[in-house]
C-alpha atoms as a PDB file:
ATOM      1  CA  UNK A   1     -31.814 -51.766  98.959  1.00  0.00           C
ATOM      2  CA  UNK A   2     -35.591 -52.244  98.813  1.00  0.00           C
ATOM      3  CA  UNK A   3     -36.157 -48.502  98.938  1.00  0.00           C
ATOM      4  CA  UNK A   4     -33.643 -47.898  96.173  1.00  0.00           C
ATOM      5  CA  UNK A   5     -35.302 -50.568  94.034  1.00  0.00           C
ATOM      6  CA  UNK A   6     -38.749 -48.958  94.561  1.00  0.00           C
ATOM      7  CA  UNK A   7     -37.389 -45.546  93.527  1.00  0.00           C
ATOM      8  CA  UNK A   8     -35.827 -47.004  90.393  1.00  0.00           C
ATOM      9  CA  UNK A   9     -39.063 -48.848  89.537  1.00  0.00           C
ATOM     10  CA  UNK A  10     -41.184 -45.748  90.066  1.00  0.00           C
ATOM     11  CA  UNK A  11     -38.865 -43.570  87.964  1.00  0.00           C
ATOM     12  CA  UNK A  12     -38.985 -46.204  85.231  1.00  0.00           C
ATOM     13  CA  UNK A  13     -42.797 -46.220  85.304  1.00  0.00           C
ATOM     14  CA  UNK A  14     -42.932 -42.422  85.188  1.00  0.00           C
ATOM     15  CA  UNK A  15     -40.528 -42.247  82.244  1.00  0.00           C
ATOM     16  CA  UNK A  16     -42.484 -44.986  80.450  1.00  0.00           C
ATOM     17  CA  UNK A  17     -45.812 -43.179  80.909  1.00  0.00           C
ATOM     18  CA  UNK A  18     -44.493 -39.712  80.143  1.00  0.00           C
ATOM     19  CA  UNK A  19     -46.149 -38.605  76.876  1.00  0.00           C
ATOM     20  CA  UNK A  20     -44.136 -37.167  74.009  1.00  0.00           C
ATOM     21  CA  UNK A  21     -45.343 -33.720  73.014  1.00  0.00           C
ATOM     22  CA  UNK A  22     -46.134 -32.630  69.470  1.00  0.00           C
ATOM     23  CA  UNK A  23     -43.075 -30.382  69.342  1.00  0.00           C
ATOM     24  CA  UNK A  24     -40.858 -33.284  70.409  1.00  0.00           C
ATOM     25  CA  UNK A  25     -42.283 -35.528  67.706  1.00  0.00           C
ATOM     26  CA  UNK A  26     -41.617 -32.867  65.069  1.00  0.00           C
ATOM     27  CA  UNK A  27     -38.097 -32.367  66.430  1.00  0.00           C
ATOM     28  CA  UNK A  28     -37.332 -36.104  66.353  1.00  0.00           C
ATOM     29  CA  UNK A  29     -38.820 -36.448  62.866  1.00  0.00           C
ATOM     30  CA  UNK A  30     -36.720 -33.595  61.460  1.00  0.00           C
ATOM     31  CA  UNK A  31     -33.596 -34.927  63.195  1.00  0.00           C
ATOM     32  CA  UNK A  32     -34.220 -38.372  61.721  1.00  0.00           C
ATOM     33  CA  UNK A  33     -34.594 -36.929  58.207  1.00  0.00           C
ATOM     34  CA  UNK A  34     -31.385 -34.914  58.571  1.00  0.00           C
ATOM     35  CA  UNK A  35     -29.442 -37.914  59.875  1.00  0.00           C
ATOM     36  CA  UNK A  36     -30.781 -40.137  57.075  1.00  0.00           C
ATOM     37  CA  UNK A  37     -29.728 -37.515  54.521  1.00  0.00           C
ATOM     38  CA  UNK A  38     -26.240 -37.357  56.063  1.00  0.00           C
ATOM     39  CA  UNK A  39     -25.987 -41.159  56.006  1.00  0.00           C
ATOM     40  CA  UNK A  40     -26.984 -41.242  52.322  1.00  0.00           C
ATOM     41  CA  UNK A  41     -24.497 -38.513  51.399  1.00  0.00           C
ATOM     42  CA  UNK A  42     -21.699 -40.394  53.174  1.00  0.00           C
ATOM     43  CA  UNK A  43     -22.680 -43.961  52.277  1.00  0.00           C
ATOM     44  CA  UNK A  44     -23.382 -43.564  48.543  1.00  0.00           C
ATOM     45  CA  UNK A  45     -19.805 -42.575  47.545  1.00  0.00           C
ATOM     46  CA  UNK A  46     -18.336 -45.286  49.799  1.00  0.00           C
ATOM     47  CA  UNK A  47     -20.585 -47.975  48.286  1.00  0.00           C
ATOM     48  CA  UNK A  48     -19.705 -46.759  44.805  1.00  0.00           C
ATOM     49  CA  UNK A  49     -15.971 -46.929  45.540  1.00  0.00           C
ATOM     50  CA  UNK A  50     -16.340 -50.444  46.974  1.00  0.00           C
ATOM     51  CA  UNK A  51     -18.305 -51.581  43.914  1.00  0.00           C
ATOM     52  CA  UNK A  52     -15.733 -50.081  41.534  1.00  0.00           C
ATOM     53  CA  UNK A  53     -12.845 -51.704  43.403  1.00  0.00           C
ATOM     54  CA  UNK A  54     -14.356 -55.169  42.856  1.00  0.00           C
ATOM     55  CA  UNK A  55     -15.318 -54.611  39.206  1.00  0.00           C
ATOM     56  CA  UNK A  56     -13.582 -55.345  35.939  1.00  0.00           C
ATOM     57  CA  UNK A  57     -11.417 -52.528  34.564  1.00  0.00           C
ATOM     58  CA  UNK A  58     -13.380 -52.247  31.318  1.00  0.00           C
ATOM     59  CA  UNK A  59     -16.645 -51.785  33.222  1.00  0.00           C
ATOM     60  CA  UNK A  60     -15.070 -49.187  35.492  1.00  0.00           C
ATOM     61  CA  UNK A  61     -13.621 -47.243  32.567  1.00  0.00           C
ATOM     62  CA  UNK A  62     -17.022 -47.331  30.840  1.00  0.00           C
ATOM     63  CA  UNK A  63     -18.737 -45.962  33.955  1.00  0.00           C
ATOM     64  CA  UNK A  64     -21.169 -48.864  34.304  1.00  0.00           C
ATOM     65  CA  UNK A  65     -20.888 -49.266  38.073  1.00  0.00           C
ATOM     66  CA  UNK A  66     -23.297 -47.710  40.538  1.00  0.00           C
ATOM     67  CA  UNK A  67     -23.845 -49.712  43.729  1.00  0.00           C
ATOM     68  CA  UNK A  68     -22.958 -53.249  42.691  1.00  0.00           C
ATOM     69  CA  UNK A  69     -19.797 -54.705  41.091  1.00  0.00           C
ATOM     70  CA  UNK A  70     -19.934 -55.488  37.363  1.00  0.00           C
ATOM     71  CA  UNK A  71     -17.924 -58.503  36.179  1.00  0.00           C
ATOM     72  CA  UNK A  72     -16.534 -59.205  39.653  1.00  0.00           C
ATOM     73  CA  UNK A  73     -12.735 -59.019  39.678  1.00  0.00           C
ATOM     74  CA  UNK A  74      -9.910 -58.820  42.218  1.00  0.00           C
ATOM     75  CA  UNK A  75      -7.345 -57.568  39.699  1.00  0.00           C
ATOM     76  CA  UNK A  76      -7.275 -54.122  41.297  1.00  0.00           C
ATOM     77  CA  UNK A  77      -6.376 -55.504  44.724  1.00  0.00           C
ATOM     78  CA  UNK A  78      -3.883 -57.894  43.155  1.00  0.00           C
ATOM     79  CA  UNK A  79      -2.227 -54.947  41.420  1.00  0.00           C
ATOM     80  CA  UNK A  80      -2.114 -52.982  44.684  1.00  0.00           C
ATOM     81  CA  UNK A  81      -0.194 -55.697  46.500  1.00  0.00           C
ATOM     82  CA  UNK A  82       2.138 -56.369  43.561  1.00  0.00           C
ATOM     83  CA  UNK A  83       3.284 -52.772  43.126  1.00  0.00           C
ATOM     84  CA  UNK A  84       6.448 -52.338  45.197  1.00  0.00           C
ATOM     85  CA  UNK A  85       6.005 -48.613  45.836  1.00  0.00           C
ATOM     86  CA  UNK A  86       2.460 -49.093  47.095  1.00  0.00           C
ATOM     87  CA  UNK A  87       3.676 -51.700  49.578  1.00  0.00           C
ATOM     88  CA  UNK A  88       6.578 -49.453  50.601  1.00  0.00           C
ATOM     89  CA  UNK A  89       4.146 -46.565  51.058  1.00  0.00           C
ATOM     90  CA  UNK A  90       1.862 -48.762  53.124  1.00  0.00           C
ATOM     91  CA  UNK A  91       4.728 -49.735  55.410  1.00  0.00           C
ATOM     92  CA  UNK A  92       5.879 -46.125  55.711  1.00  0.00           C
ATOM     93  CA  UNK A  93       2.381 -44.940  56.602  1.00  0.00           C
ATOM     94  CA  UNK A  94       2.039 -47.600  59.289  1.00  0.00           C
ATOM     95  CA  UNK A  95       5.410 -46.517  60.734  1.00  0.00           C
ATOM     96  CA  UNK A  96       4.508 -42.817  60.661  1.00  0.00           C
ATOM     97  CA  UNK A  97       1.113 -43.515  62.235  1.00  0.00           C
ATOM     98  CA  UNK A  98       2.300 -45.799  65.039  1.00  0.00           C
ATOM     99  CA  UNK A  99       5.490 -43.942  65.989  1.00  0.00           C
ATOM    100  CA  UNK A 100       4.031 -40.500  65.342  1.00  0.00           C
ATOM    101  CA  UNK A 101       0.894 -41.157  67.379  1.00  0.00           C
ATOM    102  CA  UNK A 102       2.944 -42.528  70.269  1.00  0.00           C
ATOM    103  CA  UNK A 103       5.153 -39.419  70.312  1.00  0.00           C
ATOM    104  CA  UNK A 104       2.126 -37.128  69.915  1.00  0.00           C
ATOM    105  CA  UNK A 105       0.250 -38.666  72.836  1.00  0.00           C
ATOM    106  CA  UNK A 106       3.298 -38.651  75.138  1.00  0.00           C
ATOM    107  CA  UNK A 107       4.187 -35.022  74.365  1.00  0.00           C
ATOM    108  CA  UNK A 108       0.577 -33.854  74.594  1.00  0.00           C
ATOM    109  CA  UNK A 109      -0.054 -35.536  77.945  1.00  0.00           C
ATOM    110  CA  UNK A 110       3.159 -34.358  79.591  1.00  0.00           C
ATOM    111  CA  UNK A 111       2.411 -30.810  78.415  1.00  0.00           C
ATOM    112  CA  UNK A 112      -1.264 -30.868  79.422  1.00  0.00           C
ATOM    113  CA  UNK A 113      -0.901 -32.255  82.936  1.00  0.00           C
ATOM    114  CA  UNK A 114       1.384 -29.534  84.395  1.00  0.00           C
ATOM    115  CA  UNK A 115      -0.738 -26.837  82.732  1.00  0.00           C
ATOM    116  CA  UNK A 116      -3.804 -28.250  84.498  1.00  0.00           C
ATOM    117  CA  UNK A 117      -2.201 -27.567  87.893  1.00  0.00           C
ATOM    118  CA  UNK A 118      -3.004 -24.167  89.357  1.00  0.00           C
ATOM    119  CA  UNK A 119       0.233 -24.277  91.345  1.00  0.00           C
ATOM    120  CA  UNK A 120       2.375 -24.118  88.171  1.00  0.00           C
ATOM    121  CA  UNK A 121       4.273 -20.766  88.078  1.00  0.00           C
ATOM    122  CA  UNK A 122       3.602 -18.791  84.892  1.00  0.00           C
ATOM    123  CA  UNK A 123       0.763 -21.127  83.905  1.00  0.00           C
ATOM    124  CA  UNK A 124      -1.313 -18.435  82.198  1.00  0.00           C
ATOM    125  CA  UNK A 125       1.661 -17.036  80.298  1.00  0.00           C
ATOM    126  CA  UNK A 126       2.599 -20.479  78.983  1.00  0.00           C
ATOM    127  CA  UNK A 127      -0.994 -21.101  77.894  1.00  0.00           C
ATOM    128  CA  UNK A 128      -1.032 -17.747  76.127  1.00  0.00           C
ATOM    129  CA  UNK A 129       2.114 -18.722  74.209  1.00  0.00           C
ATOM    130  CA  UNK A 130       0.513 -22.010  73.212  1.00  0.00           C
ATOM    131  CA  UNK A 131      -2.644 -20.217  72.073  1.00  0.00           C
ATOM    132  CA  UNK A 132      -0.538 -17.737  70.097  1.00  0.00           C
ATOM    133  CA  UNK A 133       0.780 -20.566  67.924  1.00  0.00           C
ATOM    134  CA  UNK A 134      -2.795 -21.537  67.000  1.00  0.00           C
ATOM    135  CA  UNK A 135      -3.290 -18.158  65.330  1.00  0.00           C
ATOM    136  CA  UNK A 136       0.150 -17.179  64.055  1.00  0.00           C
ATOM    137  CA  UNK A 137       2.980 -19.184  62.509  1.00  0.00           C
ATOM    138  CA  UNK A 138       6.140 -18.528  60.539  1.00  0.00           C
ATOM    139  CA  UNK A 139       4.790 -19.787  57.230  1.00  0.00           C
ATOM    140  CA  UNK A 140       5.828 -22.503  54.823  1.00  0.00           C
ATOM    141  CA  UNK A 141       9.289 -21.251  53.838  1.00  0.00           C
ATOM    142  CA  UNK A 142      10.579 -20.644  57.412  1.00  0.00           C
ATOM    143  CA  UNK A 143       9.239 -24.072  58.406  1.00  0.00           C
ATOM    144  CA  UNK A 144      11.003 -25.666  55.462  1.00  0.00           C
ATOM    145  CA  UNK A 145      14.284 -23.929  56.296  1.00  0.00           C
ATOM    146  CA  UNK A 146      13.963 -24.952  59.949  1.00  0.00           C
ATOM    147  CA  UNK A 147      13.382 -28.612  59.071  1.00  0.00           C
ATOM    148  CA  UNK A 148      16.308 -28.527  56.655  1.00  0.00           C
ATOM    149  CA  UNK A 149      18.673 -26.861  59.147  1.00  0.00           C
ATOM    150  CA  UNK A 150      17.743 -29.413  61.805  1.00  0.00           C
ATOM    151  CA  UNK A 151      18.823 -32.199  59.462  1.00  0.00           C
ATOM    152  CA  UNK A 152      15.363 -33.712  59.132  1.00  0.00           C
ATOM    153  CA  UNK A 153      14.889 -32.944  55.434  1.00  0.00           C
ATOM    154  CA  UNK A 154      14.296 -36.124  53.420  1.00  0.00           C
ATOM    155  CA  UNK A 155      14.143 -38.274  56.579  1.00  0.00           C
ATOM    156  CA  UNK A 156      11.315 -40.039  58.353  1.00  0.00           C
ATOM    157  CA  UNK A 157      11.498 -37.558  61.234  1.00  0.00           C
ATOM    158  CA  UNK A 158      10.241 -34.784  58.965  1.00  0.00           C
ATOM    159  CA  UNK A 159       6.874 -36.548  59.053  1.00  0.00           C
ATOM    160  CA  UNK A 160       6.804 -36.889  62.842  1.00  0.00           C
ATOM    161  CA  UNK A 161       8.678 -34.168  64.752  1.00  0.00           C
ATOM    162  CA  UNK A 162       7.268 -30.928  63.201  1.00  0.00           C
ATOM    163  CA  UNK A 163       3.749 -31.889  64.272  1.00  0.00           C
ATOM    164  CA  UNK A 164       4.661 -33.534  67.560  1.00  0.00           C
ATOM    165  CA  UNK A 165       1.919 -31.665  69.430  1.00  0.00           C
ATOM    166  CA  UNK A 166      -1.449 -30.187  68.552  1.00  0.00           C
ATOM    167  CA  UNK A 167      -2.376 -27.276  70.799  1.00  0.00           C
ATOM    168  CA  UNK A 168      -6.069 -28.020  70.272  1.00  0.00           C
ATOM    169  CA  UNK A 169      -5.637 -31.593  71.528  1.00  0.00           C
ATOM    170  CA  UNK A 170      -3.462 -30.364  74.373  1.00  0.00           C
ATOM    171  CA  UNK A 171      -6.206 -27.970  75.500  1.00  0.00           C
ATOM    172  CA  UNK A 172      -8.758 -30.801  75.460  1.00  0.00           C
ATOM    173  CA  UNK A 173      -6.411 -32.983  77.506  1.00  0.00           C
ATOM    174  CA  UNK A 174      -5.566 -30.161  79.928  1.00  0.00           C
ATOM    175  CA  UNK A 175      -9.252 -29.407  80.514  1.00  0.00           C
ATOM    176  CA  UNK A 176      -9.900 -33.083  81.173  1.00  0.00           C
ATOM    177  CA  UNK A 177      -7.152 -33.206  83.804  1.00  0.00           C
ATOM    178  CA  UNK A 178      -8.376 -29.980  85.416  1.00  0.00           C
ATOM    179  CA  UNK A 179     -12.023 -31.032  85.678  1.00  0.00           C
ATOM    180  CA  UNK A 180     -11.693 -34.745  86.441  1.00  0.00           C
ATOM    181  CA  UNK A 181      -8.797 -34.912  88.894  1.00  0.00           C
ATOM    182  CA  UNK A 182     -10.055 -33.190  92.063  1.00  0.00           C
ATOM    183  CA  UNK A 183      -7.635 -31.366  94.313  1.00  0.00           C
ATOM    184  CA  UNK A 184      -8.727 -33.555  97.229  1.00  0.00           C
ATOM    185  CA  UNK A 185      -7.370 -36.611  95.410  1.00  0.00           C
ATOM    186  CA  UNK A 186      -4.006 -34.938  94.887  1.00  0.00           C
ATOM    187  CA  UNK A 187      -3.880 -33.748  98.506  1.00  0.00           C
ATOM    188  CA  UNK A 188      -4.667 -37.234  99.801  1.00  0.00           C
ATOM    189  CA  UNK A 189      -1.908 -38.663  97.642  1.00  0.00           C
ATOM    190  CA  UNK A 190       0.560 -36.046  98.911  1.00  0.00           C
ATOM    191  CA  UNK A 191      -0.317 -36.853 102.521  1.00  0.00           C
ATOM    192  CA  UNK A 192       0.491 -40.514 101.804  1.00  0.00           C
ATOM    193  CA  UNK A 193       3.899 -39.458 100.445  1.00  0.00           C
ATOM    194  CA  UNK A 194       3.078 -39.793  96.757  1.00  0.00           C
ATOM    195  CA  UNK A 195       5.303 -37.673  94.524  1.00  0.00           C
ATOM    196  CA  UNK A 196       3.929 -35.594  91.657  1.00  0.00           C
ATOM    197  CA  UNK A 197       5.428 -37.903  89.054  1.00  0.00           C
ATOM    198  CA  UNK A 198       4.083 -41.018  90.750  1.00  0.00           C
ATOM    199  CA  UNK A 199       0.617 -39.457  91.022  1.00  0.00           C
ATOM    200  CA  UNK A 200       0.734 -38.679  87.316  1.00  0.00           C
ATOM    201  CA  UNK A 201       1.762 -42.226  86.347  1.00  0.00           C
ATOM    202  CA  UNK A 202      -0.273 -44.246  88.849  1.00  0.00           C
ATOM    203  CA  UNK A 203      -3.469 -42.179  89.116  1.00  0.00           C
ATOM    204  CA  UNK A 204      -3.815 -39.444  86.495  1.00  0.00           C
ATOM    205  CA  UNK A 205      -3.106 -41.601  83.445  1.00  0.00           C
ATOM    206  CA  UNK A 206      -5.339 -44.569  84.408  1.00  0.00           C
ATOM    207  CA  UNK A 207      -8.217 -42.156  85.073  1.00  0.00           C
ATOM    208  CA  UNK A 208      -7.705 -40.469  81.686  1.00  0.00           C
ATOM    209  CA  UNK A 209      -8.115 -43.404  79.297  1.00  0.00           C
ATOM    210  CA  UNK A 210     -11.108 -41.779  77.597  1.00  0.00           C
ATOM    211  CA  UNK A 211      -9.408 -38.543  76.574  1.00  0.00           C
ATOM    212  CA  UNK A 212      -6.146 -40.327  75.698  1.00  0.00           C
ATOM    213  CA  UNK A 213      -8.051 -42.667  73.382  1.00  0.00           C
ATOM    214  CA  UNK A 214      -9.715 -39.694  71.699  1.00  0.00           C
ATOM    215  CA  UNK A 215      -6.556 -37.691  71.083  1.00  0.00           C
ATOM    216  CA  UNK A 216      -4.772 -40.868  69.950  1.00  0.00           C
ATOM    217  CA  UNK A 217      -7.509 -41.360  67.344  1.00  0.00           C
ATOM    218  CA  UNK A 218      -7.208 -37.729  66.235  1.00  0.00           C
ATOM    219  CA  UNK A 219      -3.448 -38.044  65.823  1.00  0.00           C
ATOM    220  CA  UNK A 220      -3.616 -41.462  64.139  1.00  0.00           C
ATOM    221  CA  UNK A 221      -6.118 -40.275  61.527  1.00  0.00           C
ATOM    222  CA  UNK A 222      -4.027 -37.157  60.869  1.00  0.00           C
ATOM    223  CA  UNK A 223      -0.869 -39.235  60.360  1.00  0.00           C
ATOM    224  CA  UNK A 224      -2.648 -41.791  58.190  1.00  0.00           C
ATOM    225  CA  UNK A 225      -4.046 -39.091  55.894  1.00  0.00           C
ATOM    226  CA  UNK A 226      -0.938 -36.871  55.893  1.00  0.00           C
ATOM    227  CA  UNK A 227       0.671 -36.135  52.555  1.00  0.00           C
ATOM    228  CA  UNK A 228       1.469 -32.396  52.524  1.00  0.00           C
ATOM    229  CA  UNK A 229       4.532 -32.669  54.775  1.00  0.00           C
ATOM    230  CA  UNK A 230       5.768 -35.570  52.653  1.00  0.00           C
ATOM    231  CA  UNK A 231       5.159 -33.506  49.529  1.00  0.00           C
ATOM    232  CA  UNK A 232       7.292 -30.673  50.955  1.00  0.00           C
ATOM    233  CA  UNK A 233      10.005 -32.472  52.914  1.00  0.00           C
ATOM    234  CA  UNK A 234      10.547 -35.795  51.112  1.00  0.00           C
ATOM    235  CA  UNK A 235      12.144 -36.471  47.733  1.00  0.00           C
ATOM    236  CA  UNK A 236      13.113 -40.108  48.286  1.00  0.00           C
ATOM    237  CA  UNK A 237      10.248 -42.241  46.980  1.00  0.00           C
ATOM    238  CA  UNK A 238      11.186 -45.010  49.402  1.00  0.00           C
ATOM    239  CA  UNK A 239      10.074 -42.696  52.232  1.00  0.00           C
ATOM    240  CA  UNK A 240       6.751 -41.695  50.666  1.00  0.00           C
ATOM    241  CA  UNK A 241       3.609 -42.432  52.709  1.00  0.00           C
ATOM    242  CA  UNK A 242       0.732 -44.249  51.081  1.00  0.00           C
ATOM    243  CA  UNK A 243      -1.329 -41.086  50.671  1.00  0.00           C
ATOM    244  CA  UNK A 244       1.359 -39.427  48.540  1.00  0.00           C
ATOM    245  CA  UNK A 245       1.568 -42.471  46.289  1.00  0.00           C
ATOM    246  CA  UNK A 246      -2.226 -42.497  46.091  1.00  0.00           C
ATOM    247  CA  UNK A 247      -2.129 -38.831  45.124  1.00  0.00           C
ATOM    248  CA  UNK A 248       0.348 -39.552  42.330  1.00  0.00           C
ATOM    249  CA  UNK A 249      -1.846 -42.361  41.011  1.00  0.00           C
ATOM    250  CA  UNK A 250      -5.027 -40.290  41.104  1.00  0.00           C
ATOM    251  CA  UNK A 251      -3.477 -37.199  39.531  1.00  0.00           C
ATOM    252  CA  UNK A 252      -1.290 -38.799  36.882  1.00  0.00           C
ATOM    253  CA  UNK A 253      -3.895 -41.501  36.149  1.00  0.00           C
ATOM    254  CA  UNK A 254      -1.046 -43.806  35.185  1.00  0.00           C
ATOM    255  CA  UNK A 255       1.048 -46.479  36.777  1.00  0.00           C
ATOM    256  CA  UNK A 256       4.045 -48.396  35.575  1.00  0.00           C
ATOM    257  CA  UNK A 257       2.497 -51.369  33.793  1.00  0.00           C
ATOM    258  CA  UNK A 258       5.572 -53.509  34.474  1.00  0.00           C
ATOM    259  CA  UNK A 259       4.923 -53.121  38.216  1.00  0.00           C
ATOM    260  CA  UNK A 260       1.326 -54.339  38.127  1.00  0.00           C
ATOM    261  CA  UNK A 261       1.287 -57.085  35.482  1.00  0.00           C
ATOM    262  CA  UNK A 262       3.649 -59.883  34.574  1.00  0.00           C
ATOM    263  CA  UNK A 263       5.759 -59.543  31.436  1.00  0.00           C
ATOM    264  CA  UNK A 264       3.962 -62.374  29.655  1.00  0.00           C
ATOM    265  CA  UNK A 265       0.479 -60.915  30.179  1.00  0.00           C
ATOM    266  CA  UNK A 266      -1.544 -58.633  27.967  1.00  0.00           C
ATOM    267  CA  UNK A 267      -1.419 -55.151  29.493  1.00  0.00           C
ATOM    268  CA  UNK A 268      -4.876 -53.999  30.462  1.00  0.00           C
ATOM    269  CA  UNK A 269      -4.648 -50.237  30.666  1.00  0.00           C
ATOM    270  CA  UNK A 270      -8.151 -50.029  32.143  1.00  0.00           C
ATOM    271  CA  UNK A 271      -6.670 -51.760  35.181  1.00  0.00           C
ATOM    272  CA  UNK A 272      -5.512 -48.314  36.254  1.00  0.00           C
ATOM    273  CA  UNK A 273      -9.116 -47.250  36.890  1.00  0.00           C
ATOM    274  CA  UNK A 274      -9.801 -50.264  39.096  1.00  0.00           C
ATOM    275  CA  UNK A 275      -6.439 -49.807  40.804  1.00  0.00           C
ATOM    276  CA  UNK A 276      -7.390 -46.296  41.928  1.00  0.00           C
ATOM    277  CA  UNK A 277     -10.519 -47.489  43.701  1.00  0.00           C
ATOM    278  CA  UNK A 278      -8.781 -50.528  45.178  1.00  0.00           C
ATOM    279  CA  UNK A 279      -6.008 -48.306  46.503  1.00  0.00           C
ATOM    280  CA  UNK A 280      -8.559 -45.979  48.108  1.00  0.00           C
ATOM    281  CA  UNK A 281     -10.165 -48.945  49.880  1.00  0.00           C
ATOM    282  CA  UNK A 282      -6.827 -50.343  51.038  1.00  0.00           C
ATOM    283  CA  UNK A 283      -5.854 -46.949  52.445  1.00  0.00           C
ATOM    284  CA  UNK A 284      -9.151 -46.498  54.330  1.00  0.00           C
ATOM    285  CA  UNK A 285      -9.761 -49.962  55.788  1.00  0.00           C
ATOM    286  CA  UNK A 286      -7.175 -49.793  58.662  1.00  0.00           C
ATOM    287  CA  UNK A 287      -8.706 -46.615  60.128  1.00  0.00           C
ATOM    288  CA  UNK A 288     -12.197 -48.088  59.769  1.00  0.00           C
ATOM    289  CA  UNK A 289     -11.012 -51.106  61.743  1.00  0.00           C
ATOM    290  CA  UNK A 290      -9.475 -49.010  64.527  1.00  0.00           C
ATOM    291  CA  UNK A 291     -12.447 -46.707  65.139  1.00  0.00           C
ATOM    292  CA  UNK A 292     -14.851 -49.289  66.689  1.00  0.00           C
ATOM    293  CA  UNK A 293     -12.320 -50.009  69.440  1.00  0.00           C
ATOM    294  CA  UNK A 294     -12.155 -46.364  70.567  1.00  0.00           C
ATOM    295  CA  UNK A 295     -15.717 -45.340  69.726  1.00  0.00           C
ATOM    296  CA  UNK A 296     -16.926 -45.995  73.288  1.00  0.00           C
ATOM    297  CA  UNK A 297     -14.400 -43.451  74.577  1.00  0.00           C
ATOM    298  CA  UNK A 298     -14.960 -40.952  71.786  1.00  0.00           C
ATOM    299  CA  UNK A 299     -18.062 -39.036  72.911  1.00  0.00           C
ATOM    300  CA  UNK A 300     -17.140 -39.219  76.597  1.00  0.00           C
ATOM    301  CA  UNK A 301     -13.605 -37.969  76.052  1.00  0.00           C
ATOM    302  CA  UNK A 302     -14.560 -35.094  73.759  1.00  0.00           C
ATOM    303  CA  UNK A 303     -17.468 -33.882  75.877  1.00  0.00           C
ATOM    304  CA  UNK A 304     -15.631 -34.029  79.201  1.00  0.00           C
ATOM    305  CA  UNK A 305     -12.542 -32.392  77.725  1.00  0.00           C
ATOM    306  CA  UNK A 306     -14.591 -29.606  76.169  1.00  0.00           C
ATOM    307  CA  UNK A 307     -16.436 -28.484  79.304  1.00  0.00           C
ATOM    308  CA  UNK A 308     -15.223 -25.387  81.163  1.00  0.00           C
ATOM    309  CA  UNK A 309     -11.857 -23.782  80.470  1.00  0.00           C
END
């Protein structure tokens, strides 16, 4: 223990005294400038949207807001939570995200684990078929006809089943299993009488929390932002996700005034401008809240799953 402590202390002293070269200083300085520029490019629009969402409709329509609310108002958020279709869309999006992500993760993991085993017959052929689908597909019309013939048209399953697995995420997960579950561990488990399924449930999954968290985040963000499948496969407005309703509001630039104000109030048509920004914030906040909980797994899971083939 004493020897280990001395080694750690000496390495710490060496790293503390190690000078930073001129090239390193230039590299760090340029990296800092680039990162600051990226932060500004990302942060400025977000701050502007937040300021607009808390501003009065007249000020928003007049374009007076930059980085701070003008005539602070919560009318936009009040309108969001009073509009029945926005609330329905919010509920639908939560359902699609939770159920869809659960199905995605289960399907991806049970496909990736067998493909990580060298003993699987036809492993390379199956991987080639998976890779083929990343390059070629039937196109929009055949996909539409397939969904319709399967009875999923204008149902919630049209938003979940067609994209049940992402080959890219499956490859990341497969590589993680292949590089982080040594053969010696599997052999030791087999000697102790552990079946393949039990090894997968009791050992492989607990050791794969990092990559599972990453692919779950990928799938959740994709489901939360999805609107194209809804645009193609759904005609019932009660099944619309929030993003499709947001799209309608942003494109049409109108909402039903009777849905956002009481009948005895003066209709403020500039409320629509504030409503757009408030709706954007409401649609983004849940994903912003989820990310910090998986951020610690994010870099580890992506990097480990991307090494080797």
